[in-house]
């Protein structure tokens, strides 16, 4: 049976919804019920009536869906789909960090494990981090974790002195400023747009800085321009669908690879075959320990409430 036909048949039979991140393979984005960034995916997971949620993304995203849907089965096509940013914040070390700063409110970027979310006061995404930090009274000190680049960007935008955890995303730190400048010289009419997880020297070159959804909307509203896009290359699929006649150029990575751009190996481990297999067998499924789930649920709900 054709894989796509098989996935569609199983999706109907099992009342399943397929959620996919913008960084997934093109063929997965094409068949997903919803494609979005972390905020949009969280909102969709919170609202779905499906019996099964197949999360075509990485582990922390599927965990978030399970935290919001304890009675539903949440499937991840490949359990090895991790996240370098989430890995950069081990729970034991972070617990000691926040205990040494008891007066601080803890805001964590959604790209972290359920254990880290359970230690947080509010969760945020790159779409709403600015709004969430600004919602905290100015006299309340804040720990921001785990992404130091996003934290530094938000600190600069708000004027808040955030206490940053020293974590980062390997994909967004892989961009080469020298190669980017060389590319810009080749395409001087281009605008550089970047994700705030990128390093400061990349952000300084950008005309626009925003979340994956924000970048897509920015380009959609200005289709007459030409763009160099500094985030994971998977975004180009959805972006090009929105602006089919716009020239989109992936920002170059430091290391040469097959596409000369920055790709997340974790995001790319999910395939159509694995998607079909996980729907067929209803595994691997995600479980979150109940006490952790309940503690992690509160800061996620605060984020969703603030994002309305």
C-alpha atoms as a PDB file:
ATOM      1  CA  UNK A   1       0.000   0.000   0.000  1.00  0.00           C
ATOM      2  CA  UNK A   2       1.185   3.528  -0.771  1.00  0.00           C
ATOM      3  CA  UNK A   3       2.493   5.073   2.459  1.00  0.00           C
ATOM      4  CA  UNK A   4       0.405   8.225   2.179  1.00  0.00           C
ATOM      5  CA  UNK A   5      -2.769   6.212   1.474  1.00  0.00           C
ATOM      6  CA  UNK A   6      -1.932   3.996   4.441  1.00  0.00           C
ATOM      7  CA  UNK A   7      -1.371   6.972   6.753  1.00  0.00           C
ATOM      8  CA  UNK A   8      -4.623   8.575   5.631  1.00  0.00           C
ATOM      9  CA  UNK A   9      -6.579   5.328   6.171  1.00  0.00           C
ATOM     10  CA  UNK A  10      -5.122   4.831   9.663  1.00  0.00           C
ATOM     11  CA  UNK A  11      -5.664   8.474  10.575  1.00  0.00           C
ATOM     12  CA  UNK A  12      -9.369   8.119   9.770  1.00  0.00           C
ATOM     13  CA  UNK A  13      -9.782   4.703  11.357  1.00  0.00           C
ATOM     14  CA  UNK A  14      -8.121   5.722  14.629  1.00  0.00           C
ATOM     15  CA  UNK A  15      -9.382   9.322  14.907  1.00  0.00           C
ATOM     16  CA  UNK A  16      -5.783  10.548  14.858  1.00  0.00           C
ATOM     17  CA  UNK A  17      -4.391  14.021  14.200  1.00  0.00           C
ATOM     18  CA  UNK A  18      -0.908  14.597  12.773  1.00  0.00           C
ATOM     19  CA  UNK A  19       0.861  17.702  14.075  1.00  0.00           C
ATOM     20  CA  UNK A  20       4.123  18.702  12.394  1.00  0.00           C
ATOM     21  CA  UNK A  21       6.724  21.357  13.071  1.00  0.00           C
ATOM     22  CA  UNK A  22       7.935  23.654  10.291  1.00  0.00           C
ATOM     23  CA  UNK A  23      11.354  21.954  10.463  1.00  0.00           C
ATOM     24  CA  UNK A  24      10.048  18.504   9.509  1.00  0.00           C
ATOM     25  CA  UNK A  25      10.745  16.920   6.122  1.00  0.00           C
ATOM     26  CA  UNK A  26       8.667  18.392   3.283  1.00  0.00           C
ATOM     27  CA  UNK A  27       6.736  15.153   2.710  1.00  0.00           C
ATOM     28  CA  UNK A  28       5.623  15.072   6.354  1.00  0.00           C
ATOM     29  CA  UNK A  29       4.540  18.717   6.301  1.00  0.00           C
ATOM     30  CA  UNK A  30       2.463  17.970   3.198  1.00  0.00           C
ATOM     31  CA  UNK A  31       0.314  15.319   4.899  1.00  0.00           C
ATOM     32  CA  UNK A  32       0.039  16.869   8.382  1.00  0.00           C
ATOM     33  CA  UNK A  33      -3.311  18.109   9.662  1.00  0.00           C
ATOM     34  CA  UNK A  34      -1.532  21.124  11.082  1.00  0.00           C
ATOM     35  CA  UNK A  35       1.959  22.565  10.582  1.00  0.00           C
ATOM     36  CA  UNK A  36       3.194  25.228  12.960  1.00  0.00           C
ATOM     37  CA  UNK A  37       5.723  26.572  15.423  1.00  0.00           C
ATOM     38  CA  UNK A  38       5.913  25.590  19.091  1.00  0.00           C
ATOM     39  CA  UNK A  39       3.172  28.000  20.190  1.00  0.00           C
ATOM     40  CA  UNK A  40       0.753  27.013  17.424  1.00  0.00           C
ATOM     41  CA  UNK A  41       1.410  23.317  17.991  1.00  0.00           C
ATOM     42  CA  UNK A  42       0.818  23.684  21.744  1.00  0.00           C
ATOM     43  CA  UNK A  43      -2.460  25.517  21.106  1.00  0.00           C
ATOM     44  CA  UNK A  44      -3.565  22.858  18.619  1.00  0.00           C
ATOM     45  CA  UNK A  45      -2.632  20.031  21.001  1.00  0.00           C
ATOM     46  CA  UNK A  46      -4.624  21.712  23.775  1.00  0.00           C
ATOM     47  CA  UNK A  47      -7.753  22.015  21.612  1.00  0.00           C
ATOM     48  CA  UNK A  48      -7.861  18.749  19.654  1.00  0.00           C
ATOM     49  CA  UNK A  49     -10.712  16.228  19.923  1.00  0.00           C
ATOM     50  CA  UNK A  50      -8.620  13.471  18.349  1.00  0.00           C
ATOM     51  CA  UNK A  51      -8.103  10.206  20.241  1.00  0.00           C
ATOM     52  CA  UNK A  52      -4.488   9.916  19.075  1.00  0.00           C
ATOM     53  CA  UNK A  53      -1.970  12.721  18.549  1.00  0.00           C
ATOM     54  CA  UNK A  54       0.943  11.893  16.253  1.00  0.00           C
ATOM     55  CA  UNK A  55       3.614  14.489  16.875  1.00  0.00           C
ATOM     56  CA  UNK A  56       5.964  14.849  13.930  1.00  0.00           C
ATOM     57  CA  UNK A  57       8.541  16.891  15.777  1.00  0.00           C
ATOM     58  CA  UNK A  58      10.960  16.246  18.617  1.00  0.00           C
ATOM     59  CA  UNK A  59      10.603  14.697  22.063  1.00  0.00           C
ATOM     60  CA  UNK A  60       9.897  17.824  24.130  1.00  0.00           C
ATOM     61  CA  UNK A  61       7.060  18.764  21.753  1.00  0.00           C
ATOM     62  CA  UNK A  62       5.386  15.364  22.120  1.00  0.00           C
ATOM     63  CA  UNK A  63       5.859  15.623  25.895  1.00  0.00           C
ATOM     64  CA  UNK A  64       4.086  18.984  25.890  1.00  0.00           C
ATOM     65  CA  UNK A  65       1.174  17.443  23.979  1.00  0.00           C
ATOM     66  CA  UNK A  66       0.979  14.637  26.549  1.00  0.00           C
ATOM     67  CA  UNK A  67       1.093  17.100  29.456  1.00  0.00           C
ATOM     68  CA  UNK A  68      -1.930  18.853  27.918  1.00  0.00           C
ATOM     69  CA  UNK A  69      -3.701  15.590  26.989  1.00  0.00           C
ATOM     70  CA  UNK A  70      -3.134  12.972  29.699  1.00  0.00           C
ATOM     71  CA  UNK A  71      -5.995  10.732  28.533  1.00  0.00           C
ATOM     72  CA  UNK A  72      -4.993  10.736  24.860  1.00  0.00           C
ATOM     73  CA  UNK A  73      -2.334   8.566  23.269  1.00  0.00           C
ATOM     74  CA  UNK A  74       0.562  10.720  22.033  1.00  0.00           C
ATOM     75  CA  UNK A  75       2.881   9.112  19.490  1.00  0.00           C
ATOM     76  CA  UNK A  76       6.342  10.184  18.343  1.00  0.00           C
ATOM     77  CA  UNK A  77       7.505   8.442  15.139  1.00  0.00           C
ATOM     78  CA  UNK A  78      11.098   8.121  16.402  1.00  0.00           C
ATOM     79  CA  UNK A  79      12.091   8.369  20.074  1.00  0.00           C
ATOM     80  CA  UNK A  80      15.600   9.441  19.067  1.00  0.00           C
ATOM     81  CA  UNK A  81      14.172  12.797  17.906  1.00  0.00           C
ATOM     82  CA  UNK A  82      15.740  14.821  20.706  1.00  0.00           C
ATOM     83  CA  UNK A  83      16.861  18.444  20.985  1.00  0.00           C
ATOM     84  CA  UNK A  84      20.334  19.872  21.614  1.00  0.00           C
ATOM     85  CA  UNK A  85      18.819  22.867  23.419  1.00  0.00           C
ATOM     86  CA  UNK A  86      16.727  20.701  25.756  1.00  0.00           C
ATOM     87  CA  UNK A  87      19.799  18.521  26.396  1.00  0.00           C
ATOM     88  CA  UNK A  88      21.780  21.612  27.424  1.00  0.00           C
ATOM     89  CA  UNK A  89      19.622  21.981  30.558  1.00  0.00           C
ATOM     90  CA  UNK A  90      19.913  18.856  32.770  1.00  0.00           C
ATOM     91  CA  UNK A  91      17.222  18.800  35.516  1.00  0.00           C
ATOM     92  CA  UNK A  92      19.639  18.198  38.423  1.00  0.00           C
ATOM     93  CA  UNK A  93      21.862  21.131  37.477  1.00  0.00           C
ATOM     94  CA  UNK A  94      18.921  23.427  36.791  1.00  0.00           C
ATOM     95  CA  UNK A  95      17.305  22.545  40.114  1.00  0.00           C
ATOM     96  CA  UNK A  96      20.475  23.640  41.955  1.00  0.00           C
ATOM     97  CA  UNK A  97      20.613  26.809  39.846  1.00  0.00           C
ATOM     98  CA  UNK A  98      17.089  27.962  40.710  1.00  0.00           C
ATOM     99  CA  UNK A  99      17.482  26.993  44.381  1.00  0.00           C
ATOM    100  CA  UNK A 100      20.490  29.300  44.565  1.00  0.00           C
ATOM    101  CA  UNK A 101      18.290  32.180  43.300  1.00  0.00           C
ATOM    102  CA  UNK A 102      15.047  31.654  45.269  1.00  0.00           C
ATOM    103  CA  UNK A 103      13.784  35.209  44.738  1.00  0.00           C
ATOM    104  CA  UNK A 104      13.712  34.784  40.940  1.00  0.00           C
ATOM    105  CA  UNK A 105      10.631  33.946  38.877  1.00  0.00           C
ATOM    106  CA  UNK A 106      11.495  31.145  36.422  1.00  0.00           C
ATOM    107  CA  UNK A 107      10.549  31.529  32.754  1.00  0.00           C
ATOM    108  CA  UNK A 108      11.541  28.614  30.541  1.00  0.00           C
ATOM    109  CA  UNK A 109      11.528  28.403  26.784  1.00  0.00           C
ATOM    110  CA  UNK A 110       9.308  25.528  25.642  1.00  0.00           C
ATOM    111  CA  UNK A 111      12.359  23.769  24.145  1.00  0.00           C
ATOM    112  CA  UNK A 112      13.064  21.898  27.372  1.00  0.00           C
ATOM    113  CA  UNK A 113      12.098  18.658  29.093  1.00  0.00           C
ATOM    114  CA  UNK A 114       8.962  18.078  31.170  1.00  0.00           C
ATOM    115  CA  UNK A 115      11.152  18.044  34.307  1.00  0.00           C
ATOM    116  CA  UNK A 116      12.426  21.558  33.526  1.00  0.00           C
ATOM    117  CA  UNK A 117       8.901  22.817  32.786  1.00  0.00           C
ATOM    118  CA  UNK A 118       7.818  21.396  36.157  1.00  0.00           C
ATOM    119  CA  UNK A 119      10.361  23.686  37.878  1.00  0.00           C
ATOM    120  CA  UNK A 120       9.073  26.759  36.033  1.00  0.00           C
ATOM    121  CA  UNK A 121       6.615  29.536  36.803  1.00  0.00           C
ATOM    122  CA  UNK A 122       5.777  30.287  33.169  1.00  0.00           C
ATOM    123  CA  UNK A 123       6.697  28.627  29.869  1.00  0.00           C
ATOM    124  CA  UNK A 124       7.212  30.694  26.709  1.00  0.00           C
ATOM    125  CA  UNK A 125       7.936  30.247  23.011  1.00  0.00           C
ATOM    126  CA  UNK A 126       9.893  32.510  20.693  1.00  0.00           C
ATOM    127  CA  UNK A 127       6.516  33.876  19.502  1.00  0.00           C
ATOM    128  CA  UNK A 128       5.428  35.091  22.923  1.00  0.00           C
ATOM    129  CA  UNK A 129       8.635  35.381  25.022  1.00  0.00           C
ATOM    130  CA  UNK A 130       8.649  39.176  24.766  1.00  0.00           C
ATOM    131  CA  UNK A 131       5.007  39.457  25.892  1.00  0.00           C
ATOM    132  CA  UNK A 132       5.507  37.002  28.759  1.00  0.00           C
ATOM    133  CA  UNK A 133       8.639  38.693  30.120  1.00  0.00           C
ATOM    134  CA  UNK A 134       6.876  42.063  29.915  1.00  0.00           C
ATOM    135  CA  UNK A 135       3.930  40.633  31.902  1.00  0.00           C
ATOM    136  CA  UNK A 136       6.184  40.174  34.948  1.00  0.00           C
ATOM    137  CA  UNK A 137       6.420  43.159  37.330  1.00  0.00           C
ATOM    138  CA  UNK A 138       9.651  45.086  36.737  1.00  0.00           C
ATOM    139  CA  UNK A 139      10.796  44.664  40.324  1.00  0.00           C
ATOM    140  CA  UNK A 140      10.651  40.851  40.119  1.00  0.00           C
ATOM    141  CA  UNK A 141      13.993  39.262  39.057  1.00  0.00           C
ATOM    142  CA  UNK A 142      13.731  36.604  36.341  1.00  0.00           C
ATOM    143  CA  UNK A 143      15.647  33.458  35.468  1.00  0.00           C
ATOM    144  CA  UNK A 144      15.363  32.760  31.732  1.00  0.00           C
ATOM    145  CA  UNK A 145      16.290  29.303  30.482  1.00  0.00           C
ATOM    146  CA  UNK A 146      17.538  27.349  28.661  1.00  0.00           C
ATOM    147  CA  UNK A 147      18.397  29.425  25.559  1.00  0.00           C
ATOM    148  CA  UNK A 148      20.946  32.156  26.282  1.00  0.00           C
ATOM    149  CA  UNK A 149      20.642  33.672  22.779  1.00  0.00           C
ATOM    150  CA  UNK A 150      16.868  34.079  22.973  1.00  0.00           C
ATOM    151  CA  UNK A 151      17.257  35.312  26.550  1.00  0.00           C
ATOM    152  CA  UNK A 152      19.866  37.890  25.538  1.00  0.00           C
ATOM    153  CA  UNK A 153      17.639  39.092  22.687  1.00  0.00           C
ATOM    154  CA  UNK A 154      14.593  39.423  24.995  1.00  0.00           C
ATOM    155  CA  UNK A 155      16.720  41.183  27.636  1.00  0.00           C
ATOM    156  CA  UNK A 156      17.866  43.703  25.028  1.00  0.00           C
ATOM    157  CA  UNK A 157      14.306  44.282  23.747  1.00  0.00           C
ATOM    158  CA  UNK A 158      12.742  44.706  27.197  1.00  0.00           C
ATOM    159  CA  UNK A 159      15.617  46.320  29.092  1.00  0.00           C
ATOM    160  CA  UNK A 160      15.209  43.611  31.753  1.00  0.00           C
ATOM    161  CA  UNK A 161      18.304  42.175  33.433  1.00  0.00           C
ATOM    162  CA  UNK A 162      17.543  38.471  32.952  1.00  0.00           C
ATOM    163  CA  UNK A 163      19.592  35.798  34.697  1.00  0.00           C
ATOM    164  CA  UNK A 164      20.381  33.456  31.801  1.00  0.00           C
ATOM    165  CA  UNK A 165      21.016  29.718  31.794  1.00  0.00           C
ATOM    166  CA  UNK A 166      23.954  28.877  29.511  1.00  0.00           C
ATOM    167  CA  UNK A 167      22.122  26.743  26.934  1.00  0.00           C
ATOM    168  CA  UNK A 168      21.845  26.946  23.169  1.00  0.00           C
ATOM    169  CA  UNK A 169      20.625  25.255  19.987  1.00  0.00           C
ATOM    170  CA  UNK A 170      23.416  23.742  17.902  1.00  0.00           C
ATOM    171  CA  UNK A 171      21.485  24.389  14.682  1.00  0.00           C
ATOM    172  CA  UNK A 172      20.995  28.103  15.331  1.00  0.00           C
ATOM    173  CA  UNK A 173      24.605  28.490  16.473  1.00  0.00           C
ATOM    174  CA  UNK A 174      25.868  26.823  13.287  1.00  0.00           C
ATOM    175  CA  UNK A 175      25.453  29.863  11.034  1.00  0.00           C
ATOM    176  CA  UNK A 176      28.692  31.333   9.729  1.00  0.00           C
ATOM    177  CA  UNK A 177      28.796  35.123   9.857  1.00  0.00           C
ATOM    178  CA  UNK A 178      31.592  35.209   7.262  1.00  0.00           C
ATOM    179  CA  UNK A 179      29.663  33.005   4.848  1.00  0.00           C
ATOM    180  CA  UNK A 180      26.497  35.001   5.516  1.00  0.00           C
ATOM    181  CA  UNK A 181      28.268  38.269   4.670  1.00  0.00           C
ATOM    182  CA  UNK A 182      29.734  36.678   1.532  1.00  0.00           C
ATOM    183  CA  UNK A 183      26.258  35.493   0.522  1.00  0.00           C
ATOM    184  CA  UNK A 184      24.856  38.962   1.171  1.00  0.00           C
ATOM    185  CA  UNK A 185      27.519  40.439  -1.122  1.00  0.00           C
ATOM    186  CA  UNK A 186      26.316  38.067  -3.853  1.00  0.00           C
ATOM    187  CA  UNK A 187      22.678  39.038  -3.192  1.00  0.00           C
ATOM    188  CA  UNK A 188      22.921  42.624  -1.865  1.00  0.00           C
ATOM    189  CA  UNK A 189      19.242  43.314  -2.551  1.00  0.00           C
ATOM    190  CA  UNK A 190      18.227  40.568  -0.072  1.00  0.00           C
ATOM    191  CA  UNK A 191      16.872  41.108   3.412  1.00  0.00           C
ATOM    192  CA  UNK A 192      18.286  38.879   6.148  1.00  0.00           C
ATOM    193  CA  UNK A 193      15.675  37.442   8.510  1.00  0.00           C
ATOM    194  CA  UNK A 194      16.688  35.415  11.565  1.00  0.00           C
ATOM    195  CA  UNK A 195      15.387  33.378  14.475  1.00  0.00           C
ATOM    196  CA  UNK A 196      16.233  34.816  17.932  1.00  0.00           C
ATOM    197  CA  UNK A 197      17.931  31.521  18.921  1.00  0.00           C
ATOM    198  CA  UNK A 198      20.765  32.601  16.606  1.00  0.00           C
ATOM    199  CA  UNK A 199      23.929  34.182  17.988  1.00  0.00           C
ATOM    200  CA  UNK A 200      24.089  37.935  18.510  1.00  0.00           C
ATOM    201  CA  UNK A 201      26.445  38.613  15.593  1.00  0.00           C
ATOM    202  CA  UNK A 202      23.901  36.983  13.238  1.00  0.00           C
ATOM    203  CA  UNK A 203      20.980  38.925  14.718  1.00  0.00           C
ATOM    204  CA  UNK A 204      22.877  42.209  14.247  1.00  0.00           C
ATOM    205  CA  UNK A 205      22.787  41.600  10.486  1.00  0.00           C
ATOM    206  CA  UNK A 206      19.055  40.882  10.353  1.00  0.00           C
ATOM    207  CA  UNK A 207      16.324  43.188   9.071  1.00  0.00           C
ATOM    208  CA  UNK A 208      13.740  41.093  10.914  1.00  0.00           C
ATOM    209  CA  UNK A 209      14.077  38.802  13.955  1.00  0.00           C
ATOM    210  CA  UNK A 210      11.220  36.504  14.921  1.00  0.00           C
ATOM    211  CA  UNK A 211       9.816  33.044  15.534  1.00  0.00           C
ATOM    212  CA  UNK A 212       9.326  30.582  12.688  1.00  0.00           C
ATOM    213  CA  UNK A 213       5.690  31.671  12.338  1.00  0.00           C
ATOM    214  CA  UNK A 214       6.752  35.314  12.616  1.00  0.00           C
ATOM    215  CA  UNK A 215       9.308  34.912   9.834  1.00  0.00           C
ATOM    216  CA  UNK A 216       6.755  33.283   7.548  1.00  0.00           C
ATOM    217  CA  UNK A 217       4.252  36.078   8.184  1.00  0.00           C
ATOM    218  CA  UNK A 218       6.907  38.738   7.624  1.00  0.00           C
ATOM    219  CA  UNK A 219       7.790  37.316   4.203  1.00  0.00           C
ATOM    220  CA  UNK A 220       4.123  36.711   3.338  1.00  0.00           C
ATOM    221  CA  UNK A 221       3.385  40.402   3.901  1.00  0.00           C
ATOM    222  CA  UNK A 222       6.374  41.505   1.773  1.00  0.00           C
ATOM    223  CA  UNK A 223       6.510  38.991  -1.113  1.00  0.00           C
ATOM    224  CA  UNK A 224       8.181  41.468  -3.463  1.00  0.00           C
ATOM    225  CA  UNK A 225      11.459  41.278  -1.493  1.00  0.00           C
ATOM    226  CA  UNK A 226      14.226  38.655  -1.646  1.00  0.00           C
ATOM    227  CA  UNK A 227      15.328  36.922   1.572  1.00  0.00           C
ATOM    228  CA  UNK A 228      18.258  35.162   3.197  1.00  0.00           C
ATOM    229  CA  UNK A 229      16.662  32.990   5.885  1.00  0.00           C
ATOM    230  CA  UNK A 230      18.671  32.265   9.055  1.00  0.00           C
ATOM    231  CA  UNK A 231      16.879  29.398  10.735  1.00  0.00           C
ATOM    232  CA  UNK A 232      16.526  25.646  10.191  1.00  0.00           C
ATOM    233  CA  UNK A 233      16.092  25.034   6.456  1.00  0.00           C
ATOM    234  CA  UNK A 234      12.841  23.082   6.866  1.00  0.00           C
ATOM    235  CA  UNK A 235      10.984  26.407   7.171  1.00  0.00           C
ATOM    236  CA  UNK A 236      11.580  27.056   3.475  1.00  0.00           C
ATOM    237  CA  UNK A 237       8.912  24.513   2.440  1.00  0.00           C
ATOM    238  CA  UNK A 238       6.013  26.349   4.086  1.00  0.00           C
ATOM    239  CA  UNK A 239       7.496  29.764   3.377  1.00  0.00           C
ATOM    240  CA  UNK A 240       7.819  29.040  -0.349  1.00  0.00           C
ATOM    241  CA  UNK A 241       4.213  27.807  -0.469  1.00  0.00           C
ATOM    242  CA  UNK A 242       3.115  31.171   0.955  1.00  0.00           C
ATOM    243  CA  UNK A 243       5.271  33.198  -1.460  1.00  0.00           C
ATOM    244  CA  UNK A 244       5.831  31.001  -4.560  1.00  0.00           C
ATOM    245  CA  UNK A 245       7.422  33.795  -6.605  1.00  0.00           C
ATOM    246  CA  UNK A 246       9.771  35.069  -3.889  1.00  0.00           C
ATOM    247  CA  UNK A 247      13.469  34.168  -3.883  1.00  0.00           C
ATOM    248  CA  UNK A 248      14.371  32.471  -0.574  1.00  0.00           C
ATOM    249  CA  UNK A 249      17.993  31.641   0.191  1.00  0.00           C
ATOM    250  CA  UNK A 250      18.998  29.500   3.208  1.00  0.00           C
ATOM    251  CA  UNK A 251      21.671  31.098   5.397  1.00  0.00           C
ATOM    252  CA  UNK A 252      24.927  29.129   5.207  1.00  0.00           C
ATOM    253  CA  UNK A 253      26.196  26.952   8.052  1.00  0.00           C
ATOM    254  CA  UNK A 254      29.781  26.971   9.328  1.00  0.00           C
ATOM    255  CA  UNK A 255      30.297  23.341   8.341  1.00  0.00           C
ATOM    256  CA  UNK A 256      29.681  22.206   4.799  1.00  0.00           C
ATOM    257  CA  UNK A 257      26.872  19.666   4.513  1.00  0.00           C
ATOM    258  CA  UNK A 258      24.581  18.237   1.871  1.00  0.00           C
ATOM    259  CA  UNK A 259      22.415  21.332   1.523  1.00  0.00           C
ATOM    260  CA  UNK A 260      25.012  23.978   2.560  1.00  0.00           C
ATOM    261  CA  UNK A 261      22.438  25.205   5.081  1.00  0.00           C
ATOM    262  CA  UNK A 262      21.642  24.554   8.720  1.00  0.00           C
ATOM    263  CA  UNK A 263      19.517  21.454   9.306  1.00  0.00           C
ATOM    264  CA  UNK A 264      18.435  19.802  12.555  1.00  0.00           C
ATOM    265  CA  UNK A 265      19.346  16.110  12.394  1.00  0.00           C
ATOM    266  CA  UNK A 266      16.835  15.406  15.185  1.00  0.00           C
ATOM    267  CA  UNK A 267      13.953  16.952  13.216  1.00  0.00           C
ATOM    268  CA  UNK A 268      14.863  14.926  10.148  1.00  0.00           C
ATOM    269  CA  UNK A 269      14.830  11.454  11.788  1.00  0.00           C
ATOM    270  CA  UNK A 270      11.053  11.267  11.354  1.00  0.00           C
ATOM    271  CA  UNK A 271      10.046   9.748   7.995  1.00  0.00           C
ATOM    272  CA  UNK A 272       6.799   8.767   6.281  1.00  0.00           C
ATOM    273  CA  UNK A 273       7.573   5.113   6.961  1.00  0.00           C
ATOM    274  CA  UNK A 274       8.083   5.764  10.682  1.00  0.00           C
ATOM    275  CA  UNK A 275       4.914   7.857  10.726  1.00  0.00           C
ATOM    276  CA  UNK A 276       2.942   5.004   9.169  1.00  0.00           C
ATOM    277  CA  UNK A 277       4.487   2.413  11.503  1.00  0.00           C
ATOM    278  CA  UNK A 278       3.774   4.433  14.653  1.00  0.00           C
ATOM    279  CA  UNK A 279       0.134   4.928  13.627  1.00  0.00           C
ATOM    280  CA  UNK A 280      -0.235   1.248  12.774  1.00  0.00           C
ATOM    281  CA  UNK A 281       1.344  -0.050  15.992  1.00  0.00           C
ATOM    282  CA  UNK A 282       0.424   2.943  18.215  1.00  0.00           C
ATOM    283  CA  UNK A 283       3.970   3.240  19.468  1.00  0.00           C
ATOM    284  CA  UNK A 284       6.389   4.668  20.446  1.00  0.00           C
ATOM    285  CA  UNK A 285       4.011   6.490  22.777  1.00  0.00           C
ATOM    286  CA  UNK A 286       4.987   9.249  25.188  1.00  0.00           C
ATOM    287  CA  UNK A 287       4.388   9.002  28.931  1.00  0.00           C
ATOM    288  CA  UNK A 288       5.003  11.707  31.535  1.00  0.00           C
ATOM    289  CA  UNK A 289       5.117  10.889  35.230  1.00  0.00           C
ATOM    290  CA  UNK A 290       1.895  12.264  36.758  1.00  0.00           C
ATOM    291  CA  UNK A 291       3.448  14.450  39.465  1.00  0.00           C
ATOM    292  CA  UNK A 292       5.780  16.017  36.883  1.00  0.00           C
ATOM    293  CA  UNK A 293       2.909  16.402  34.421  1.00  0.00           C
ATOM    294  CA  UNK A 294       0.735  18.272  36.923  1.00  0.00           C
ATOM    295  CA  UNK A 295       3.553  20.649  37.887  1.00  0.00           C
ATOM    296  CA  UNK A 296       4.514  21.223  34.232  1.00  0.00           C
ATOM    297  CA  UNK A 297       0.893  21.787  33.218  1.00  0.00           C
ATOM    298  CA  UNK A 298       0.528  24.974  35.297  1.00  0.00           C
ATOM    299  CA  UNK A 299       3.266  27.053  33.590  1.00  0.00           C
ATOM    300  CA  UNK A 300       2.130  25.830  30.157  1.00  0.00           C
ATOM    301  CA  UNK A 301      -1.448  26.865  30.922  1.00  0.00           C
ATOM    302  CA  UNK A 302      -0.204  30.269  32.105  1.00  0.00           C
ATOM    303  CA  UNK A 303       1.572  30.672  28.756  1.00  0.00           C
ATOM    304  CA  UNK A 304      -1.527  29.663  26.762  1.00  0.00           C
ATOM    305  CA  UNK A 305      -3.657  32.078  28.796  1.00  0.00           C
ATOM    306  CA  UNK A 306      -1.219  34.944  28.222  1.00  0.00           C
ATOM    307  CA  UNK A 307      -1.058  34.132  24.500  1.00  0.00           C
ATOM    308  CA  UNK A 308      -4.783  34.542  23.826  1.00  0.00           C
END
